Amino acid sequence: MPSSVIRRWDYDEAEQRLDVTFVSGKRYAYHQVPERIAAGMRKAISKGSYFNRRIRDHFAFTQLTS
């Protein structure tokens, strides 16, 4: 199901980095995200809700430039 908040996301298992692009165009890299959290994101019906509950405010991040 498409998200009204998240445009796309990618997970790099080797780096344990979750890159998220929001519909606003802002991009962030979330660091040291375990694979089980990324797997939960894959399975989540609502990506935005899952992101807010399990990722936002739980992992360090950096803003990426376009």
Protein backbone atom coordinates (compact mmCIF):
# COMPACT_ATOMS: atom_id res chain seq x y z
CA MET A 1 0.00 0.00 0.00
CA PRO A 2 1.43 3.43 -0.88
CA SER A 3 2.23 5.73 2.01
CA SER A 4 0.93 9.27 2.29
CA VAL A 5 4.14 10.24 4.12
CA ILE A 6 6.97 8.09 2.73
CA ARG A 7 7.71 8.22 -0.99
CA ARG A 8 10.33 5.47 -0.94
CA TRP A 9 12.82 3.72 1.28
CA ASP A 10 15.82 1.44 0.85
CA TYR A 11 17.71 -0.69 3.34
CA ASP A 12 21.43 -1.47 3.13
CA GLU A 13 21.92 -4.61 5.23
CA ALA A 14 25.74 -4.44 5.18
CA GLU A 15 25.68 -0.85 6.48
CA GLN A 16 22.53 -1.33 8.60
CA ARG A 17 21.30 1.92 7.09
CA LEU A 18 17.72 2.77 6.22
CA ASP A 19 17.37 5.56 3.66
CA VAL A 20 13.95 7.21 3.67
CA THR A 21 12.58 9.73 1.17
CA PHE A 22 9.48 11.56 2.34
CA VAL A 23 6.79 12.96 0.04
CA SER A 24 8.13 16.42 0.96
CA GLY A 25 11.33 15.45 -0.88
CA LYS A 26 13.47 15.42 2.28
CA ARG A 27 15.81 12.43 2.55
CA TYR A 28 17.31 10.90 5.67
CA ALA A 29 19.66 8.03 6.46
CA TYR A 30 18.88 6.19 9.72
CA HIS A 31 21.93 4.42 11.14
CA GLN A 32 22.42 1.09 12.93
CA VAL A 33 18.94 -0.11 12.04
CA PRO A 34 18.74 -3.89 12.60
CA GLU A 35 17.53 -6.05 9.73
CA ARG A 36 14.50 -7.15 11.80
CA ILE A 37 13.31 -3.52 11.91
CA ALA A 38 13.71 -3.20 8.12
CA ALA A 39 11.85 -6.49 7.70
CA GLY A 40 9.04 -5.08 9.83
CA MET A 41 8.92 -2.02 7.58
CA ARG A 42 8.67 -4.29 4.53
CA LYS A 43 5.71 -6.14 6.05
CA ALA A 44 3.92 -3.12 7.54
CA ILE A 45 0.63 -2.18 5.95
CA SER A 46 1.17 1.45 6.98
CA LYS A 47 4.80 2.40 6.38
CA GLY A 48 4.29 5.82 7.97
CA SER A 49 2.81 4.41 11.17
CA TYR A 50 5.52 1.77 11.43
CA PHE A 51 8.19 4.41 10.84
CA ASN A 52 6.75 6.63 13.58
CA ARG A 53 6.47 3.77 16.09
CA ARG A 54 9.70 1.86 15.45
CA ILE A 55 12.23 4.12 13.71
CA ARG A 56 11.64 7.83 14.29
CA ASP A 57 13.19 8.94 17.60
CA HIS A 58 14.86 5.50 18.00
CA PHE A 59 17.84 5.73 15.64
CA ALA A 60 20.47 8.33 14.89
CA PHE A 61 20.06 9.90 11.47
CA THR A 62 21.61 12.30 9.02
CA GLN A 63 19.80 14.41 6.47
CA LEU A 64 20.84 13.65 2.91
CA THR A 65 21.13 16.29 0.22
CA SER A 66 19.32 15.82 -3.06
